[in-house]
Amino acid sequence: MDYILFDEFITLGKLLKEIDIISSGGAAKAFLAENTVILNDEHENRRGKKLYPTDVLIFPELGMEIHIEAPSEEEKAEHAEELEEKKRVKEIVAKMNKENKKVTKKPTKPRFPGMR
């Protein structure tokens, strides 16, 4: 399996979650304690270990091998477009939520000093 890394690095725990080996970030510690993980021909059990392009992860119990690769220029451009679209949609949703926000507070009369 190939994993394309768009950032400078990714931690082992985050990678496990992104490829759906674990369901939450907190499960990474238990997964690494119970399973053998080999990173570049060395045993690895730190969930915070930074993984870079050209690294190879092997999970013997799962029969899985993951090659971390840098994206091509075309993939970088496609990823940038996806991020722009995501940002645009987020702004539209925020604007719609602001416009549709319901006022649940009852209007109150202004209070002046000395009046009860």
C-alpha atoms as a PDB file:
ATOM      1  CA  MET A   1       0.000   0.000   0.000  1.00  0.00           C
ATOM      2  CA  ASP A   2       1.263   3.475  -0.837  1.00  0.00           C
ATOM      3  CA  TYR A   3       0.502   6.485   1.369  1.00  0.00           C
ATOM      4  CA  ILE A   4       1.018   9.910  -0.178  1.00  0.00           C
ATOM      5  CA  LEU A   5       2.277  12.414   2.391  1.00  0.00           C
ATOM      6  CA  PHE A   6       1.351  16.031   1.602  1.00  0.00           C
ATOM      7  CA  ASP A   7       2.962  17.502   4.726  1.00  0.00           C
ATOM      8  CA  GLU A   8       6.580  17.418   5.838  1.00  0.00           C
ATOM      9  CA  PHE A   9       5.900  14.459   8.142  1.00  0.00           C
ATOM     10  CA  ILE A  10       3.127  12.489   9.862  1.00  0.00           C
ATOM     11  CA  THR A  11       3.227  10.773  13.242  1.00  0.00           C
ATOM     12  CA  LEU A  12       2.782   7.028  13.469  1.00  0.00           C
ATOM     13  CA  GLY A  13      -0.390   7.380  15.573  1.00  0.00           C
ATOM     14  CA  LYS A  14      -1.985   9.780  13.099  1.00  0.00           C
ATOM     15  CA  LEU A  15      -1.098   7.510  10.169  1.00  0.00           C
ATOM     16  CA  LEU A  16      -2.682   4.504  11.900  1.00  0.00           C
ATOM     17  CA  LYS A  17      -5.876   6.509  12.343  1.00  0.00           C
ATOM     18  CA  GLU A  18      -5.915   7.901   8.782  1.00  0.00           C
ATOM     19  CA  ILE A  19      -5.604   4.469   7.180  1.00  0.00           C
ATOM     20  CA  ASP A  20      -8.315   3.100   9.516  1.00  0.00           C
ATOM     21  CA  ILE A  21      -6.197   0.582  11.383  1.00  0.00           C
ATOM     22  CA  ILE A  22      -7.380   2.169  14.648  1.00  0.00           C
ATOM     23  CA  SER A  23     -10.587   4.077  15.346  1.00  0.00           C
ATOM     24  CA  SER A  24      -9.200   6.839  17.562  1.00  0.00           C
ATOM     25  CA  GLY A  25      -5.882   8.427  18.397  1.00  0.00           C
ATOM     26  CA  GLY A  26      -6.031   7.046  21.931  1.00  0.00           C
ATOM     27  CA  ALA A  27      -6.075   3.486  20.607  1.00  0.00           C
ATOM     28  CA  ALA A  28      -2.624   3.920  19.040  1.00  0.00           C
ATOM     29  CA  LYS A  29      -0.757   3.199  22.271  1.00  0.00           C
ATOM     30  CA  ALA A  30      -2.619  -0.061  22.856  1.00  0.00           C
ATOM     31  CA  PHE A  31      -2.250  -1.101  19.208  1.00  0.00           C
ATOM     32  CA  LEU A  32       1.511  -0.529  19.292  1.00  0.00           C
ATOM     33  CA  ALA A  33       1.807  -2.470  22.570  1.00  0.00           C
ATOM     34  CA  GLU A  34      -0.059  -5.483  21.151  1.00  0.00           C
ATOM     35  CA  ASN A  35       1.290  -5.531  17.576  1.00  0.00           C
ATOM     36  CA  THR A  36       4.702  -5.550  15.965  1.00  0.00           C
ATOM     37  CA  VAL A  37       5.484  -2.528  13.816  1.00  0.00           C
ATOM     38  CA  ILE A  38       8.668  -2.428  11.764  1.00  0.00           C
ATOM     39  CA  LEU A  39       9.847   0.942  10.446  1.00  0.00           C
ATOM     40  CA  ASN A  40      12.745   0.807   7.991  1.00  0.00           C
ATOM     41  CA  ASP A  41      13.841  -2.646   9.272  1.00  0.00           C
ATOM     42  CA  GLU A  42      13.710  -1.591  12.963  1.00  0.00           C
ATOM     43  CA  HIS A  43      11.062  -2.331  15.609  1.00  0.00           C
ATOM     44  CA  GLU A  44       9.031   0.785  16.432  1.00  0.00           C
ATOM     45  CA  ASN A  45       6.528   1.335  19.259  1.00  0.00           C
ATOM     46  CA  ARG A  46       6.366   5.138  19.656  1.00  0.00           C
ATOM     47  CA  ARG A  47       3.097   6.618  18.450  1.00  0.00           C
ATOM     48  CA  GLY A  48       4.710  10.050  18.140  1.00  0.00           C
ATOM     49  CA  LYS A  49       7.450   8.811  15.808  1.00  0.00           C
ATOM     50  CA  LYS A  50       7.665  11.122  12.800  1.00  0.00           C
ATOM     51  CA  LEU A  51       7.390   9.401   9.440  1.00  0.00           C
ATOM     52  CA  TYR A  52       8.814  10.950   6.282  1.00  0.00           C
ATOM     53  CA  PRO A  53       8.633  10.163   2.561  1.00  0.00           C
ATOM     54  CA  THR A  54      10.674   7.044   1.639  1.00  0.00           C
ATOM     55  CA  ASP A  55       9.896   5.385   5.013  1.00  0.00           C
ATOM     56  CA  VAL A  56       8.514   1.837   4.917  1.00  0.00           C
ATOM     57  CA  LEU A  57       6.182   0.457   7.606  1.00  0.00           C
ATOM     58  CA  ILE A  58       5.516  -3.260   7.965  1.00  0.00           C
ATOM     59  CA  PHE A  59       2.774  -4.808  10.104  1.00  0.00           C
ATOM     60  CA  PRO A  60       3.556  -8.563  10.185  1.00  0.00           C
ATOM     61  CA  GLU A  61       0.371  -9.530  12.103  1.00  0.00           C
ATOM     62  CA  LEU A  62      -1.812  -7.682   9.584  1.00  0.00           C
ATOM     63  CA  GLY A  63       0.209  -8.737   6.560  1.00  0.00           C
ATOM     64  CA  MET A  64       0.450  -5.104   5.508  1.00  0.00           C
ATOM     65  CA  GLU A  65       3.298  -3.021   4.131  1.00  0.00           C
ATOM     66  CA  ILE A  66       2.994   0.753   3.729  1.00  0.00           C
ATOM     67  CA  HIS A  67       5.333   2.869   1.621  1.00  0.00           C
ATOM     68  CA  ILE A  68       5.233   6.566   2.462  1.00  0.00           C
ATOM     69  CA  GLU A  69       5.751   8.642  -0.651  1.00  0.00           C
ATOM     70  CA  ALA A  70       6.021  12.306  -1.577  1.00  0.00           C
ATOM     71  CA  PRO A  71       3.296  13.607  -3.905  1.00  0.00           C
ATOM     72  CA  SER A  72       3.905  14.424  -7.545  1.00  0.00           C
ATOM     73  CA  GLU A  73       3.376  17.980  -8.808  1.00  0.00           C
ATOM     74  CA  GLU A  74      -0.016  16.976 -10.220  1.00  0.00           C
ATOM     75  CA  GLU A  75      -1.089  15.485  -6.867  1.00  0.00           C
ATOM     76  CA  LYS A  76       0.119  18.616  -5.036  1.00  0.00           C
ATOM     77  CA  ALA A  77      -1.989  20.822  -7.323  1.00  0.00           C
ATOM     78  CA  GLU A  78      -5.034  18.568  -6.881  1.00  0.00           C
ATOM     79  CA  HIS A  79      -4.580  18.582  -3.093  1.00  0.00           C
ATOM     80  CA  ALA A  80      -4.286  22.397  -3.061  1.00  0.00           C
ATOM     81  CA  GLU A  81      -7.544  22.654  -5.041  1.00  0.00           C
ATOM     82  CA  GLU A  82      -9.283  20.340  -2.574  1.00  0.00           C
ATOM     83  CA  LEU A  83      -8.066  22.446   0.368  1.00  0.00           C
ATOM     84  CA  GLU A  84      -9.277  25.650  -1.323  1.00  0.00           C
ATOM     85  CA  GLU A  85     -12.705  24.102  -1.961  1.00  0.00           C
ATOM     86  CA  LYS A  86     -12.904  22.884   1.635  1.00  0.00           C
ATOM     87  CA  LYS A  87     -12.040  26.383   2.894  1.00  0.00           C
ATOM     88  CA  ARG A  88     -14.640  27.969   0.580  1.00  0.00           C
ATOM     89  CA  VAL A  89     -17.381  25.593   1.759  1.00  0.00           C
ATOM     90  CA  LYS A  90     -16.434  26.200   5.398  1.00  0.00           C
ATOM     91  CA  GLU A  91     -16.791  29.965   4.913  1.00  0.00           C
ATOM     92  CA  ILE A  92     -20.182  29.543   3.202  1.00  0.00           C
ATOM     93  CA  VAL A  93     -21.465  27.325   6.020  1.00  0.00           C
ATOM     94  CA  ALA A  94     -20.213  29.774   8.663  1.00  0.00           C
ATOM     95  CA  LYS A  95     -21.967  32.651   6.871  1.00  0.00           C
ATOM     96  CA  MET A  96     -25.220  30.665   6.571  1.00  0.00           C
ATOM     97  CA  ASN A  97     -25.096  29.682  10.240  1.00  0.00           C
ATOM     98  CA  LYS A  98     -24.541  33.295  11.250  1.00  0.00           C
ATOM     99  CA  GLU A  99     -27.496  34.465   9.128  1.00  0.00           C
ATOM    100  CA  ASN A 100     -29.812  31.707  10.389  1.00  0.00           C
ATOM    101  CA  LYS A 101     -28.865  32.023  14.041  1.00  0.00           C
ATOM    102  CA  LYS A 102     -31.992  32.234  16.169  1.00  0.00           C
ATOM    103  CA  VAL A 103     -32.214  34.638  19.059  1.00  0.00           C
ATOM    104  CA  THR A 104     -33.425  32.763  22.123  1.00  0.00           C
ATOM    105  CA  LYS A 105     -32.952  35.602  24.583  1.00  0.00           C
ATOM    106  CA  LYS A 106     -36.009  37.621  25.579  1.00  0.00           C
ATOM    107  CA  PRO A 107     -35.695  41.323  24.912  1.00  0.00           C
ATOM    108  CA  THR A 108     -35.209  43.280  28.127  1.00  0.00           C
ATOM    109  CA  LYS A 109     -35.933  46.894  28.978  1.00  0.00           C
ATOM    110  CA  PRO A 110     -32.936  49.139  29.454  1.00  0.00           C
ATOM    111  CA  ARG A 111     -31.987  49.574  33.103  1.00  0.00           C
ATOM    112  CA  PHE A 112     -31.168  52.947  34.550  1.00  0.00           C
ATOM    113  CA  PRO A 113     -29.399  53.693  37.849  1.00  0.00           C
ATOM    114  CA  GLY A 114     -31.786  54.305  40.696  1.00  0.00           C
ATOM    115  CA  MET A 115     -34.714  52.487  39.078  1.00  0.00           C
ATOM    116  CA  ARG A 116     -35.931  49.113  40.182  1.00  0.00           C
END
